[in-house]
C-alpha atoms as a PDB file:
ATOM      1  CA  MET A   1     -33.070   8.182   6.755  1.00  0.00           C
ATOM      2  CA  GLU A   2     -34.043  11.643   8.059  1.00  0.00           C
ATOM      3  CA  TRP A   3     -30.731  12.151   9.874  1.00  0.00           C
ATOM      4  CA  LYS A   4     -28.816  11.246   6.706  1.00  0.00           C
ATOM      5  CA  ILE A   5     -30.737  13.805   4.656  1.00  0.00           C
ATOM      6  CA  ALA A   6     -30.265  16.456   7.351  1.00  0.00           C
ATOM      7  CA  SER A   7     -26.561  15.666   7.568  1.00  0.00           C
ATOM      8  CA  LEU A   8     -26.242  15.866   3.790  1.00  0.00           C
ATOM      9  CA  ILE A   9     -27.940  19.274   3.641  1.00  0.00           C
ATOM     10  CA  ILE A  10     -25.794  20.688   6.446  1.00  0.00           C
ATOM     11  CA  PHE A  11     -22.683  19.145   5.003  1.00  0.00           C
ATOM     12  CA  SER A  12     -23.418  20.531   1.526  1.00  0.00           C
ATOM     13  CA  ILE A  13     -23.731  24.034   2.964  1.00  0.00           C
ATOM     14  CA  LEU A  14     -20.414  23.686   4.785  1.00  0.00           C
ATOM     15  CA  LEU A  15     -18.686  22.322   1.691  1.00  0.00           C
ATOM     16  CA  ALA A  16     -20.093  24.830  -0.790  1.00  0.00           C
ATOM     17  CA  PRO A  17     -16.945  27.022  -0.722  1.00  0.00           C
ATOM     18  CA  CYS A  18     -14.743  23.935  -1.189  1.00  0.00           C
ATOM     19  CA  PHE A  19     -15.968  22.321  -4.386  1.00  0.00           C
ATOM     20  CA  ALA A  20     -18.796  21.949  -6.861  1.00  0.00           C
ATOM     21  CA  ILE A  21     -20.223  18.870  -8.538  1.00  0.00           C
ATOM     22  CA  PHE A  22     -17.652  17.476 -11.000  1.00  0.00           C
ATOM     23  CA  ASN A  23     -15.290  20.343 -10.371  1.00  0.00           C
ATOM     24  CA  ASP A  24     -11.761  20.541 -11.783  1.00  0.00           C
ATOM     25  CA  TYR A  25     -10.046  18.387  -9.147  1.00  0.00           C
ATOM     26  CA  GLU A  26      -6.637  18.221 -10.909  1.00  0.00           C
ATOM     27  CA  PRO A  27      -6.191  14.425 -11.153  1.00  0.00           C
ATOM     28  CA  SER A  28      -2.461  14.782 -11.959  1.00  0.00           C
ATOM     29  CA  ALA A  29       0.155  15.677  -9.335  1.00  0.00           C
ATOM     30  CA  ARG A  30       2.424  16.969 -12.085  1.00  0.00           C
ATOM     31  CA  ALA A  31      -0.287  19.243 -13.482  1.00  0.00           C
ATOM     32  CA  ARG A  32      -1.252  20.479 -10.010  1.00  0.00           C
ATOM     33  CA  ALA A  33       2.351  21.528  -9.355  1.00  0.00           C
ATOM     34  CA  MET A  34       2.082  23.754 -12.453  1.00  0.00           C
ATOM     35  CA  SER A  35      -1.385  25.053 -11.456  1.00  0.00           C
ATOM     36  CA  GLY A  36      -2.955  23.006 -14.246  1.00  0.00           C
ATOM     37  CA  ALA A  37      -1.294  24.971 -17.077  1.00  0.00           C
ATOM     38  CA  VAL A  38      -0.728  21.881 -19.240  1.00  0.00           C
ATOM     39  CA  THR A  39      -3.272  22.203 -22.069  1.00  0.00           C
ATOM     40  CA  SER A  40      -0.549  22.698 -24.694  1.00  0.00           C
ATOM     41  CA  PHE A  41       1.805  19.885 -23.661  1.00  0.00           C
ATOM     42  CA  SER A  42      -0.197  17.149 -21.909  1.00  0.00           C
ATOM     43  CA  ASP A  43       2.157  14.284 -22.703  1.00  0.00           C
ATOM     44  CA  ASP A  44       1.865  11.755 -19.878  1.00  0.00           C
ATOM     45  CA  TYR A  45      -0.612   9.137 -18.649  1.00  0.00           C
ATOM     46  CA  SER A  46      -3.042  11.817 -17.390  1.00  0.00           C
ATOM     47  CA  ALA A  47      -3.423  13.477 -20.825  1.00  0.00           C
ATOM     48  CA  ILE A  48      -6.995  12.207 -21.245  1.00  0.00           C
ATOM     49  CA  PHE A  49      -8.083  14.480 -18.378  1.00  0.00           C
ATOM     50  CA  TYR A  50      -6.370  17.631 -19.673  1.00  0.00           C
ATOM     51  CA  ASN A  51      -6.279  17.376 -23.465  1.00  0.00           C
ATOM     52  CA  PRO A  52      -7.071  14.151 -25.353  1.00  0.00           C
ATOM     53  CA  ALA A  53      -4.781  15.278 -28.171  1.00  0.00           C
ATOM     54  CA  GLY A  54      -1.880  14.631 -25.793  1.00  0.00           C
ATOM     55  CA  ILE A  55      -2.663  10.907 -25.609  1.00  0.00           C
ATOM     56  CA  ARG A  56      -0.513  10.362 -28.701  1.00  0.00           C
ATOM     57  CA  LEU A  57       2.352  12.332 -27.139  1.00  0.00           C
ATOM     58  CA  ALA A  58       2.259  10.119 -24.027  1.00  0.00           C
ATOM     59  CA  GLY A  59       3.244   6.959 -25.885  1.00  0.00           C
ATOM     60  CA  LYS A  60       2.780   3.982 -23.570  1.00  0.00           C
ATOM     61  CA  GLN A  61       2.200   4.947 -19.939  1.00  0.00           C
ATOM     62  CA  VAL A  62      -0.009   4.078 -16.998  1.00  0.00           C
ATOM     63  CA  GLY A  63      -0.304   5.703 -13.589  1.00  0.00           C
ATOM     64  CA  GLY A  64      -2.457   7.080 -10.826  1.00  0.00           C
ATOM     65  CA  SER A  65      -2.690   9.591  -8.011  1.00  0.00           C
ATOM     66  CA  HIS A  66      -4.294  10.100  -4.611  1.00  0.00           C
ATOM     67  CA  TYR A  67      -4.943  13.089  -2.362  1.00  0.00           C
ATOM     68  CA  ARG A  68      -7.269  14.564   0.231  1.00  0.00           C
ATOM     69  CA  LEU A  69      -8.896  17.738  -1.060  1.00  0.00           C
ATOM     70  CA  PHE A  70      -7.698  20.694   1.037  1.00  0.00           C
ATOM     71  CA  GLY A  71      -6.314  18.192   3.525  1.00  0.00           C
ATOM     72  CA  ASN A  72      -9.794  17.100   4.629  1.00  0.00           C
ATOM     73  CA  ASP A  73     -10.161  13.500   5.762  1.00  0.00           C
ATOM     74  CA  PHE A  74     -13.759  13.402   4.523  1.00  0.00           C
ATOM     75  CA  SER A  75     -13.011  14.243   0.852  1.00  0.00           C
ATOM     76  CA  VAL A  76     -10.714  11.789  -0.941  1.00  0.00           C
ATOM     77  CA  VAL A  77      -9.874  11.973  -4.642  1.00  0.00           C
ATOM     78  CA  THR A  78      -8.234   9.129  -6.577  1.00  0.00           C
ATOM     79  CA  ALA A  79      -7.419   8.809 -10.271  1.00  0.00           C
ATOM     80  CA  VAL A  80      -5.941   6.167 -12.588  1.00  0.00           C
ATOM     81  CA  SER A  81      -5.242   6.537 -16.304  1.00  0.00           C
ATOM     82  CA  GLY A  82      -3.140   5.235 -19.146  1.00  0.00           C
ATOM     83  CA  ALA A  83      -2.246   5.537 -22.826  1.00  0.00           C
ATOM     84  CA  TRP A  84      -1.136   3.082 -25.496  1.00  0.00           C
ATOM     85  CA  GLU A  85      -0.233   3.191 -29.186  1.00  0.00           C
ATOM     86  CA  THR A  86      -1.725   1.229 -32.078  1.00  0.00           C
ATOM     87  CA  ARG A  87      -1.573   1.480 -35.857  1.00  0.00           C
ATOM     88  CA  PHE A  88      -4.976   3.208 -35.691  1.00  0.00           C
ATOM     89  CA  GLY A  89      -3.659   5.988 -33.467  1.00  0.00           C
ATOM     90  CA  SER A  90      -3.233   6.279 -29.723  1.00  0.00           C
ATOM     91  CA  PHE A  91      -5.894   5.446 -27.151  1.00  0.00           C
ATOM     92  CA  GLY A  92      -6.338   6.541 -23.567  1.00  0.00           C
ATOM     93  CA  ILE A  93      -8.515   5.641 -20.622  1.00  0.00           C
ATOM     94  CA  GLY A  94      -8.963   7.344 -17.278  1.00  0.00           C
ATOM     95  CA  TYR A  95     -11.037   7.081 -14.126  1.00  0.00           C
ATOM     96  CA  GLN A  96     -11.283   9.497 -11.231  1.00  0.00           C
ATOM     97  CA  SER A  97     -13.562   9.586  -8.217  1.00  0.00           C
ATOM     98  CA  MET A  98     -14.302  11.922  -5.342  1.00  0.00           C
ATOM     99  CA  GLY A  99     -16.190  10.768  -2.257  1.00  0.00           C
ATOM    100  CA  VAL A 100     -17.505  12.608   0.802  1.00  0.00           C
ATOM    101  CA  GLN A 101     -17.818  10.643   4.026  1.00  0.00           C
ATOM    102  CA  TYR A 102     -19.339  11.786   7.294  1.00  0.00           C
ATOM    103  CA  LEU A 103     -19.717   9.674  10.441  1.00  0.00           C
ATOM    104  CA  ASP A 104     -18.528   6.637   8.440  1.00  0.00           C
ATOM    105  CA  VAL A 105     -21.337   7.128   5.923  1.00  0.00           C
ATOM    106  CA  SER A 106     -20.678   7.860   2.239  1.00  0.00           C
ATOM    107  CA  LEU A 107     -22.925  10.884   1.763  1.00  0.00           C
ATOM    108  CA  MET A 108     -21.898  11.640  -1.793  1.00  0.00           C
ATOM    109  CA  SER A 109     -19.733  10.119  -4.489  1.00  0.00           C
ATOM    110  CA  GLU A 110     -18.975  11.238  -8.010  1.00  0.00           C
ATOM    111  CA  SER A 111     -16.902   9.519 -10.665  1.00  0.00           C
ATOM    112  CA  GLN A 112     -15.718  10.090 -14.211  1.00  0.00           C
ATOM    113  CA  LEU A 113     -14.787   7.318 -16.636  1.00  0.00           C
ATOM    114  CA  SER A 114     -13.184   8.586 -19.854  1.00  0.00           C
ATOM    115  CA  VAL A 115     -12.007   6.926 -23.041  1.00  0.00           C
ATOM    116  CA  GLY A 116     -10.225   8.798 -25.809  1.00  0.00           C
ATOM    117  CA  HIS A 117      -8.470   8.587 -29.152  1.00  0.00           C
ATOM    118  CA  SER A 118      -5.669  10.745 -30.539  1.00  0.00           C
ATOM    119  CA  PHE A 119      -3.959  10.875 -33.916  1.00  0.00           C
ATOM    120  CA  ARG A 120      -1.450  12.982 -35.811  1.00  0.00           C
ATOM    121  CA  LEU A 121      -3.063  14.976 -38.592  1.00  0.00           C
ATOM    122  CA  ASN A 122       0.030  16.590 -40.078  1.00  0.00           C
ATOM    123  CA  GLU A 123       3.788  16.644 -39.540  1.00  0.00           C
ATOM    124  CA  ASP A 124       6.758  18.270 -41.277  1.00  0.00           C
ATOM    125  CA  MET A 125      10.267  19.342 -40.279  1.00  0.00           C
ATOM    126  CA  LEU A 126       9.108  22.354 -38.226  1.00  0.00           C
ATOM    127  CA  SER A 127       5.567  21.645 -37.105  1.00  0.00           C
ATOM    128  CA  GLU A 128       3.109  18.964 -36.036  1.00  0.00           C
ATOM    129  CA  LEU A 129      -0.651  18.921 -35.519  1.00  0.00           C
ATOM    130  CA  THR A 130      -2.323  16.375 -33.234  1.00  0.00           C
ATOM    131  CA  LEU A 131      -6.068  15.946 -32.699  1.00  0.00           C
ATOM    132  CA  GLY A 132      -7.910  14.080 -29.993  1.00  0.00           C
ATOM    133  CA  TYR A 133     -11.385  13.457 -28.627  1.00  0.00           C
ATOM    134  CA  SER A 134     -12.858  11.654 -25.647  1.00  0.00           C
ATOM    135  CA  LEU A 135     -16.123  10.529 -24.084  1.00  0.00           C
ATOM    136  CA  SER A 136     -16.664  10.897 -20.340  1.00  0.00           C
ATOM    137  CA  LEU A 137     -19.300   9.017 -18.357  1.00  0.00           C
ATOM    138  CA  TYR A 138     -20.164  10.991 -15.222  1.00  0.00           C
ATOM    139  CA  SER A 139     -21.871   9.234 -12.313  1.00  0.00           C
ATOM    140  CA  LEU A 140     -23.250  11.002  -9.244  1.00  0.00           C
ATOM    141  CA  SER A 141     -24.719   9.343  -6.147  1.00  0.00           C
ATOM    142  CA  PHE A 142     -26.246  10.774  -2.956  1.00  0.00           C
ATOM    143  CA  ASP A 143     -26.840   8.391  -0.073  1.00  0.00           C
ATOM    144  CA  GLY A 144     -30.563   7.748   0.239  1.00  0.00           C
ATOM    145  CA  LEU A 145     -31.407  10.145  -2.595  1.00  0.00           C
ATOM    146  CA  GLY A 146     -30.497   8.108  -5.672  1.00  0.00           C
ATOM    147  CA  ASN A 147     -27.968   8.362  -8.462  1.00  0.00           C
ATOM    148  CA  GLU A 148     -27.695   9.520 -12.069  1.00  0.00           C
ATOM    149  CA  SER A 149     -25.251   9.283 -14.984  1.00  0.00           C
ATOM    150  CA  GLN A 150     -24.583  11.444 -18.026  1.00  0.00           C
ATOM    151  CA  LEU A 151     -22.220  11.373 -21.009  1.00  0.00           C
ATOM    152  CA  GLY A 152     -19.950  14.263 -21.966  1.00  0.00           C
ATOM    153  CA  ILE A 153     -18.060  14.852 -25.225  1.00  0.00           C
ATOM    154  CA  ASN A 154     -14.631  16.510 -25.275  1.00  0.00           C
ATOM    155  CA  ALA A 155     -12.173  17.486 -28.016  1.00  0.00           C
ATOM    156  CA  GLY A 156      -8.664  18.898 -28.146  1.00  0.00           C
ATOM    157  CA  VAL A 157      -5.820  20.011 -30.395  1.00  0.00           C
ATOM    158  CA  ILE A 158      -2.073  20.372 -29.839  1.00  0.00           C
ATOM    159  CA  ALA A 159       0.075  22.121 -32.448  1.00  0.00           C
ATOM    160  CA  ALA A 160       3.875  22.129 -32.250  1.00  0.00           C
ATOM    161  CA  ILE A 161       5.501  25.104 -33.989  1.00  0.00           C
ATOM    162  CA  HIS A 162       9.247  25.373 -34.634  1.00  0.00           C
ATOM    163  CA  GLN A 163       9.872  22.581 -32.096  1.00  0.00           C
ATOM    164  CA  ARG A 164      10.104  24.862 -29.029  1.00  0.00           C
ATOM    165  CA  THR A 165       6.582  26.325 -29.064  1.00  0.00           C
ATOM    166  CA  GLN A 166       3.299  24.458 -28.639  1.00  0.00           C
ATOM    167  CA  LEU A 167      -0.311  25.618 -28.745  1.00  0.00           C
ATOM    168  CA  GLY A 168      -3.176  23.723 -27.158  1.00  0.00           C
ATOM    169  CA  PHE A 169      -6.961  23.946 -27.352  1.00  0.00           C
ATOM    170  CA  MET A 170      -9.497  21.949 -25.335  1.00  0.00           C
ATOM    171  CA  LEU A 171     -13.309  21.909 -25.185  1.00  0.00           C
ATOM    172  CA  THR A 172     -14.951  20.060 -22.297  1.00  0.00           C
ATOM    173  CA  ASN A 173     -18.557  18.794 -22.293  1.00  0.00           C
ATOM    174  CA  ILE A 174     -19.389  20.155 -25.742  1.00  0.00           C
ATOM    175  CA  ASN A 175     -22.873  18.592 -25.602  1.00  0.00           C
ATOM    176  CA  LYS A 176     -23.708  20.391 -22.314  1.00  0.00           C
ATOM    177  CA  PRO A 177     -24.796  17.348 -20.257  1.00  0.00           C
ATOM    178  CA  GLY A 178     -26.970  17.957 -17.212  1.00  0.00           C
ATOM    179  CA  MET A 179     -28.263  16.088 -14.185  1.00  0.00           C
ATOM    180  CA  GLY A 180     -31.422  16.434 -12.158  1.00  0.00           C
ATOM    181  CA  LYS A 181     -35.106  16.527 -13.071  1.00  0.00           C
ATOM    182  CA  ASN A 182     -36.785  19.366 -11.196  1.00  0.00           C
ATOM    183  CA  GLN A 183     -33.660  21.489 -10.917  1.00  0.00           C
ATOM    184  CA  ARG A 184     -31.211  20.848 -13.765  1.00  0.00           C
ATOM    185  CA  HIS A 185     -27.499  21.008 -12.902  1.00  0.00           C
ATOM    186  CA  TYR A 186     -25.310  21.316 -15.971  1.00  0.00           C
ATOM    187  CA  LEU A 187     -21.906  19.736 -15.768  1.00  0.00           C
ATOM    188  CA  PRO A 188     -18.977  22.168 -16.080  1.00  0.00           C
ATOM    189  CA  GLN A 189     -18.203  23.266 -19.619  1.00  0.00           C
ATOM    190  CA  MET A 190     -14.717  24.595 -20.176  1.00  0.00           C
ATOM    191  CA  LEU A 191     -12.817  26.238 -23.007  1.00  0.00           C
ATOM    192  CA  ALA A 192      -9.047  26.112 -22.490  1.00  0.00           C
ATOM    193  CA  LEU A 193      -6.320  27.771 -24.554  1.00  0.00           C
ATOM    194  CA  GLY A 194      -2.694  26.990 -23.778  1.00  0.00           C
ATOM    195  CA  LEU A 195       0.720  28.160 -24.902  1.00  0.00           C
ATOM    196  CA  SER A 196       4.036  26.609 -23.872  1.00  0.00           C
ATOM    197  CA  TYR A 197       7.616  27.458 -24.772  1.00  0.00           C
ATOM    198  CA  ALA A 198      10.827  25.544 -24.109  1.00  0.00           C
ATOM    199  CA  PRO A 199      13.655  28.117 -23.950  1.00  0.00           C
ATOM    200  CA  TYR A 200      16.165  25.401 -23.106  1.00  0.00           C
ATOM    201  CA  GLU A 201      16.168  21.633 -23.259  1.00  0.00           C
ATOM    202  CA  GLY A 202      14.445  20.262 -20.168  1.00  0.00           C
ATOM    203  CA  VAL A 203      12.664  23.554 -19.344  1.00  0.00           C
ATOM    204  CA  ILE A 204       8.996  24.300 -20.099  1.00  0.00           C
ATOM    205  CA  THR A 205       7.135  27.554 -19.425  1.00  0.00           C
ATOM    206  CA  ALA A 206       3.372  27.474 -19.894  1.00  0.00           C
ATOM    207  CA  ILE A 207       0.321  29.700 -19.691  1.00  0.00           C
ATOM    208  CA  ASP A 208      -3.357  28.701 -19.899  1.00  0.00           C
ATOM    209  CA  LEU A 209      -6.547  30.701 -20.233  1.00  0.00           C
ATOM    210  CA  LYS A 210      -9.686  28.828 -19.166  1.00  0.00           C
ATOM    211  CA  LYS A 211     -13.260  30.030 -19.420  1.00  0.00           C
ATOM    212  CA  ASN A 212     -16.287  28.151 -18.085  1.00  0.00           C
ATOM    213  CA  TYR A 213     -19.960  28.319 -19.025  1.00  0.00           C
ATOM    214  CA  GLU A 214     -20.577  30.915 -16.306  1.00  0.00           C
ATOM    215  CA  GLY A 215     -18.207  33.292 -18.071  1.00  0.00           C
ATOM    216  CA  VAL A 216     -15.459  33.096 -15.455  1.00  0.00           C
ATOM    217  CA  THR A 217     -12.003  33.397 -17.027  1.00  0.00           C
ATOM    218  CA  GLU A 218      -9.057  31.885 -15.218  1.00  0.00           C
ATOM    219  CA  LEU A 219      -5.359  32.494 -15.829  1.00  0.00           C
ATOM    220  CA  ARG A 220      -2.865  29.729 -14.997  1.00  0.00           C
ATOM    221  CA  THR A 221       0.901  29.757 -15.399  1.00  0.00           C
ATOM    222  CA  GLY A 222       3.493  27.083 -14.715  1.00  0.00           C
ATOM    223  CA  VAL A 223       7.162  26.207 -15.067  1.00  0.00           C
ATOM    224  CA  GLU A 224       8.877  22.814 -15.206  1.00  0.00           C
ATOM    225  CA  ALA A 225      12.668  22.469 -15.064  1.00  0.00           C
ATOM    226  CA  GLU A 226      14.712  19.287 -15.296  1.00  0.00           C
ATOM    227  CA  VAL A 227      17.529  19.844 -12.816  1.00  0.00           C
ATOM    228  CA  HIS A 228      18.821  16.317 -13.404  1.00  0.00           C
ATOM    229  CA  PRO A 229      17.478  13.448 -15.553  1.00  0.00           C
ATOM    230  CA  MET A 230      16.212  11.954 -12.290  1.00  0.00           C
ATOM    231  CA  PHE A 231      14.958  15.163 -10.620  1.00  0.00           C
ATOM    232  CA  ILE A 232      12.450  17.787 -11.813  1.00  0.00           C
ATOM    233  CA  LEU A 233      11.229  21.009 -10.165  1.00  0.00           C
ATOM    234  CA  ARG A 234       7.835  22.591 -10.866  1.00  0.00           C
ATOM    235  CA  MET A 235       5.856  25.639  -9.749  1.00  0.00           C
ATOM    236  CA  GLY A 236       2.748  27.536 -10.777  1.00  0.00           C
ATOM    237  CA  VAL A 237       0.187  30.215  -9.940  1.00  0.00           C
ATOM    238  CA  ARG A 238      -3.482  30.745 -10.783  1.00  0.00           C
ATOM    239  CA  ASN A 239      -5.985  33.518 -10.147  1.00  0.00           C
ATOM    240  CA  HIS A 240      -9.350  31.810  -9.555  1.00  0.00           C
ATOM    241  CA  PRO A 241      -9.047  31.225  -6.733  1.00  0.00           C
ATOM    242  CA  ALA A 242      -5.722  32.937  -6.170  1.00  0.00           C
ATOM    243  CA  SER A 243      -3.331  30.142  -5.249  1.00  0.00           C
ATOM    244  CA  TYR A 244       0.248  28.961  -5.613  1.00  0.00           C
ATOM    245  CA  SER A 245       1.612  25.514  -6.245  1.00  0.00           C
ATOM    246  CA  ALA A 246       4.931  23.718  -6.383  1.00  0.00           C
ATOM    247  CA  GLY A 247       6.206  20.203  -6.700  1.00  0.00           C
ATOM    248  CA  VAL A 248       8.965  17.787  -7.572  1.00  0.00           C
ATOM    249  CA  GLY A 249       9.283  14.808  -9.862  1.00  0.00           C
ATOM    250  CA  PHE A 250      11.594  11.811  -9.628  1.00  0.00           C
ATOM    251  CA  ARG A 251      12.477   9.507 -12.496  1.00  0.00           C
ATOM    252  CA  PHE A 252      13.833   6.013 -11.872  1.00  0.00           C
ATOM    253  CA  ALA A 253      14.322   4.079 -15.131  1.00  0.00           C
ATOM    254  CA  LYS A 254      10.709   3.746 -16.367  1.00  0.00           C
ATOM    255  CA  MET A 255       9.051   4.852 -13.123  1.00  0.00           C
ATOM    256  CA  MET A 256       7.737   8.367 -12.409  1.00  0.00           C
ATOM    257  CA  LEU A 257       7.041   9.651  -8.896  1.00  0.00           C
ATOM    258  CA  ASP A 258       5.476  13.109  -8.545  1.00  0.00           C
ATOM    259  CA  TYR A 259       4.549  15.225  -5.542  1.00  0.00           C
ATOM    260  CA  SER A 260       2.836  18.605  -5.428  1.00  0.00           C
ATOM    261  CA  ILE A 261       1.485  21.058  -2.896  1.00  0.00           C
ATOM    262  CA  ASN A 262      -1.149  23.682  -3.569  1.00  0.00           C
ATOM    263  CA  THR A 263      -2.365  26.628  -1.479  1.00  0.00           C
ATOM    264  CA  HIS A 264      -5.850  28.095  -1.129  1.00  0.00           C
ATOM    265  CA  PRO A 265      -6.764  31.620   0.096  1.00  0.00           C
ATOM    266  CA  VAL A 266      -9.048  30.233   2.834  1.00  0.00           C
ATOM    267  CA  LEU A 267      -8.765  26.445   3.054  1.00  0.00           C
ATOM    268  CA  ASN A 268      -5.898  24.134   3.976  1.00  0.00           C
ATOM    269  CA  LEU A 269      -3.062  22.975   1.760  1.00  0.00           C
ATOM    270  CA  THR A 270      -3.619  20.103  -0.666  1.00  0.00           C
ATOM    271  CA  HIS A 271      -0.836  17.497  -0.793  1.00  0.00           C
ATOM    272  CA  HIS A 272      -0.889  15.338  -3.907  1.00  0.00           C
ATOM    273  CA  ILE A 273       1.172  12.307  -4.907  1.00  0.00           C
ATOM    274  CA  GLY A 274       1.241  10.421  -8.209  1.00  0.00           C
ATOM    275  CA  LEU A 275       3.011   7.342  -9.561  1.00  0.00           C
ATOM    276  CA  GLY A 276       3.421   6.311 -13.192  1.00  0.00           C
ATOM    277  CA  ILE A 277       5.231   3.725 -15.322  1.00  0.00           C
ATOM    278  CA  LYS A 278       6.381   3.800 -18.951  1.00  0.00           C
ATOM    279  CA  TYR A 279       6.083   0.441 -20.683  1.00  0.00           C
END
């Protein structure tokens, strides 16, 4: 037991620059390619992670993604999510997990299970307002040290104006959930504001401003361009940390295959792949 605790302490120190508990791991390959600037137009199966209001825009989709954070074999992130429509609005569900392994031992694992609901509040010829909310169950486990779970509440809005412009707003962990007894660790709270504009059909330009509970403001920008109905190009940039991203998307009938790559000022590249299906 002692060597596991020692390994965990050393490993946590080494990984401190890489990630924090329940960090923003970008569960979507499409969103990662645009540096996460998707608050105003989250309209695919991963909407529940980025803005629950977008669940209604997704229609009926299901998909998932997989990647190794910064290319490290010891930190694997997987995510699955989906959306479906009913007469009571649209519903979404999503699950993502990140695990750290060392010497074939799972030192730490964290997971997030989210369920959400989205509905259209107002619509006319030139505008549309969609609301959404979600509940996220966070679970954290340290090998030999126990585990804990907490519930977070999230809410979002997407407003379409004059068809080409969309505004998005997202609040994460409104209830400020925390873990730990002697030393409380509050889960990340985030306020996100997004603006997207489609100058041409098949082209989206987006910008997001995100601010966390520590007062750090992050700027994200992204572009998506449909070169062909079966081929999409994406790119993005963000400032905290300063990084660049790019990716491609392929569409085959009802299938969606996405790939993205993302830089880091110090760490290795992150390669991310996602697969989705419209039904």
